[in-house]
Amino acid sequence: MKKNKHLLWYAVLFCTIFFLDRVTKFLMLRWGDAKLQIAPFLSFSLSFNRGVSWGMFHSERSGPFIFVTLLTLAIIIPLFIHTVLRWKKGFSIWGESLALAGAISNFCDRLLYGAVVDFISFSYGAWSWSVFNVADACIVIGIFLILIAFSKEG
């Protein structure tokens, strides 16, 4: 019974992250190309990423995009299997739930828009971080939590 209770919370987390990412991307797509300055260091500006993190492997050509999209799917499927197996063994899957929600939402972008919708931009003076989205942040946090869990298991 304890596993099932936690499964509900994992599902709530997954759905919340997935929904939050989808809604924020929808709003940014409706907002359009306008830049919204939230704070001196934070702005929202629509960007489309056909590559992977930090725009690596970005290409307007179909071949590289299809390859990166299939590679993304090739990572999501084993991560999902890993998550189910860890849950069945009684391990916490908070990190996996975050990473999967983000990865699947970004994968949906690839299918719907032909690119991942990014819009969050941090900058300070001449320095700026790569544009990202809620899903990207959750993937990074999720992987960090997975690594912490593995280090504790030891």
Protein backbone atom coordinates (compact mmCIF):
# COMPACT_ATOMS: atom_id res chain seq x y z
CA MET A 1 0.00 0.00 0.00
CA LYS A 2 2.87 2.39 0.79
CA LYS A 3 4.20 2.02 -2.77
CA ASN A 4 0.80 2.87 -4.24
CA LYS A 5 0.48 5.95 -2.02
CA HIS A 6 3.87 7.17 -3.24
CA LEU A 7 2.97 6.27 -6.81
CA LEU A 8 0.10 8.76 -6.58
CA TRP A 9 2.52 11.51 -5.46
CA TYR A 10 5.01 10.63 -8.18
CA ALA A 11 2.17 10.83 -10.72
CA VAL A 12 1.02 14.17 -9.29
CA LEU A 13 4.57 15.54 -9.55
CA PHE A 14 4.95 14.24 -13.11
CA CYS A 15 1.59 15.66 -14.23
CA THR A 16 2.19 19.00 -12.48
CA ILE A 17 5.58 19.49 -14.14
CA PHE A 18 4.31 18.33 -17.52
CA PHE A 19 1.25 20.63 -17.29
CA LEU A 20 3.28 23.61 -16.05
CA ASP A 21 5.77 23.22 -18.88
CA ARG A 22 3.04 22.84 -21.51
CA VAL A 23 1.13 25.88 -20.23
CA THR A 24 4.18 28.14 -20.00
CA LYS A 25 5.23 27.16 -23.53
CA PHE A 26 1.70 27.74 -24.82
CA LEU A 27 1.66 31.20 -23.24
CA MET A 28 5.05 32.06 -24.72
CA LEU A 29 3.93 30.89 -28.16
CA ARG A 30 0.86 33.15 -27.82
CA TRP A 31 3.03 36.01 -26.56
CA GLY A 32 5.16 35.73 -29.68
CA ASP A 33 8.50 37.34 -30.36
CA ALA A 34 8.15 40.12 -27.79
CA LYS A 35 10.75 40.12 -25.03
CA LEU A 36 9.35 40.34 -21.51
CA GLN A 37 11.85 41.71 -18.96
CA ILE A 38 10.94 40.25 -15.54
CA ALA A 39 13.98 41.51 -13.61
CA PRO A 40 17.37 42.98 -14.60
CA PHE A 41 18.76 39.45 -14.81
CA LEU A 42 15.66 37.53 -15.99
CA SER A 43 13.69 37.82 -19.20
CA PHE A 44 11.30 35.74 -21.27
CA SER A 45 12.04 35.60 -24.96
CA LEU A 46 10.75 32.94 -27.36
CA SER A 47 13.38 30.69 -28.91
CA PHE A 48 13.23 27.40 -30.81
CA ASN A 49 15.94 24.79 -30.22
CA ARG A 50 16.24 21.96 -32.73
CA GLY A 51 19.33 20.60 -31.02
CA VAL A 52 19.97 19.50 -27.44
CA SER A 53 21.02 21.37 -24.30
CA TRP A 54 22.66 24.74 -24.87
CA GLY A 55 21.75 24.52 -28.56
CA MET A 56 24.37 21.86 -29.28
CA PHE A 57 23.76 20.00 -32.54
CA HIS A 58 21.21 22.63 -33.63
CA SER A 59 20.50 22.33 -37.32
CA GLU A 60 17.77 23.55 -39.64
CA ARG A 61 18.24 20.41 -41.74
CA SER A 62 15.85 17.48 -41.22
CA GLY A 63 18.46 14.73 -40.88
CA PRO A 64 20.21 16.02 -37.74
CA PHE A 65 16.86 17.01 -36.20
CA ILE A 66 15.43 13.53 -36.75
CA PHE A 67 18.61 11.98 -35.35
CA VAL A 68 18.48 14.14 -32.19
CA THR A 69 14.75 13.43 -31.80
CA LEU A 70 15.30 9.67 -32.07
CA LEU A 71 18.25 9.93 -29.68
CA THR A 72 15.98 11.73 -27.23
CA LEU A 73 13.45 8.91 -27.49
CA ALA A 74 16.28 6.39 -27.06
CA ILE A 75 17.06 8.06 -23.73
CA ILE A 76 13.45 8.45 -22.56
CA ILE A 77 12.54 4.76 -22.99
CA PRO A 78 15.41 3.34 -20.86
CA LEU A 79 14.85 6.10 -18.28
CA PHE A 80 11.19 5.09 -18.05
CA ILE A 81 12.13 1.40 -17.65
CA HIS A 82 14.76 2.34 -15.04
CA THR A 83 12.15 4.40 -13.18
CA VAL A 84 9.60 1.57 -13.10
CA LEU A 85 12.22 -0.94 -11.92
CA ARG A 86 13.44 1.38 -9.14
CA TRP A 87 9.87 2.01 -8.02
CA LYS A 88 9.13 -1.74 -7.97
CA LYS A 89 12.22 -2.23 -5.77
CA GLY A 90 10.89 0.38 -3.34
CA PHE A 91 13.32 3.17 -4.17
CA SER A 92 12.34 6.83 -4.30
CA ILE A 93 11.81 8.05 -7.86
CA TRP A 94 11.38 11.80 -7.30
CA GLY A 95 14.33 12.63 -9.53
CA GLU A 96 13.23 10.21 -12.22
CA SER A 97 9.71 11.68 -12.17
CA LEU A 98 11.08 15.21 -12.68
CA ALA A 99 13.48 14.16 -15.44
CA LEU A 100 10.86 12.10 -17.27
CA ALA A 101 8.22 14.85 -17.13
CA GLY A 102 10.68 17.34 -18.60
CA ALA A 103 12.06 14.98 -21.21
CA ILE A 104 8.63 13.86 -22.40
CA SER A 105 7.34 17.44 -22.57
CA ASN A 106 10.37 18.51 -24.63
CA PHE A 107 9.85 15.46 -26.86
CA CYS A 108 6.25 16.59 -27.41
CA ASP A 109 7.63 19.97 -28.57
CA ARG A 110 9.75 18.23 -31.15
CA LEU A 111 6.71 16.43 -32.53
CA LEU A 112 4.35 19.43 -32.35
CA TYR A 113 6.61 22.32 -33.33
CA GLY A 114 9.69 20.78 -34.93
CA ALA A 115 11.83 22.23 -32.12
CA VAL A 116 11.88 22.62 -28.35
CA VAL A 117 10.26 25.84 -27.17
CA ASP A 118 12.66 27.75 -24.90
CA PHE A 119 12.03 31.13 -23.33
CA ILE A 120 13.72 31.65 -19.93
CA SER A 121 16.86 33.76 -20.16
CA PHE A 122 19.25 34.68 -17.33
CA SER A 123 21.86 37.34 -17.94
CA TYR A 124 24.09 39.75 -16.11
CA GLY A 125 25.87 42.46 -18.04
CA ALA A 126 27.52 40.84 -21.05
CA TRP A 127 27.13 37.34 -19.58
CA SER A 128 24.08 35.26 -20.43
CA TRP A 129 22.98 31.69 -19.84
CA SER A 130 21.49 29.58 -22.63
CA VAL A 131 17.76 30.04 -23.06
CA PHE A 132 15.81 27.18 -21.45
CA ASN A 133 12.34 26.19 -20.26
CA VAL A 134 10.62 24.64 -17.24
CA ALA A 135 11.20 21.12 -18.61
CA ASP A 136 14.94 21.74 -18.97
CA ALA A 137 15.16 22.96 -15.37
CA CYS A 138 13.28 19.88 -14.15
CA ILE A 139 15.52 17.54 -16.15
CA VAL A 140 18.62 19.08 -14.56
CA ILE A 141 17.13 18.98 -11.04
CA GLY A 142 15.89 15.43 -11.63
CA ILE A 143 19.29 14.17 -12.77
CA PHE A 144 20.90 15.90 -9.80
CA LEU A 145 18.46 14.09 -7.45
CA ILE A 146 19.14 10.78 -9.20
CA LEU A 147 22.90 11.24 -8.74
CA ILE A 148 22.41 12.09 -5.05
CA ALA A 149 20.25 8.98 -4.59
CA PHE A 150 22.87 6.78 -6.29
CA SER A 151 25.66 8.24 -4.19
CA LYS A 152 23.73 7.48 -0.99
CA GLU A 153 23.05 3.92 -2.12
CA GLY A 154 26.62 3.48 -2.70
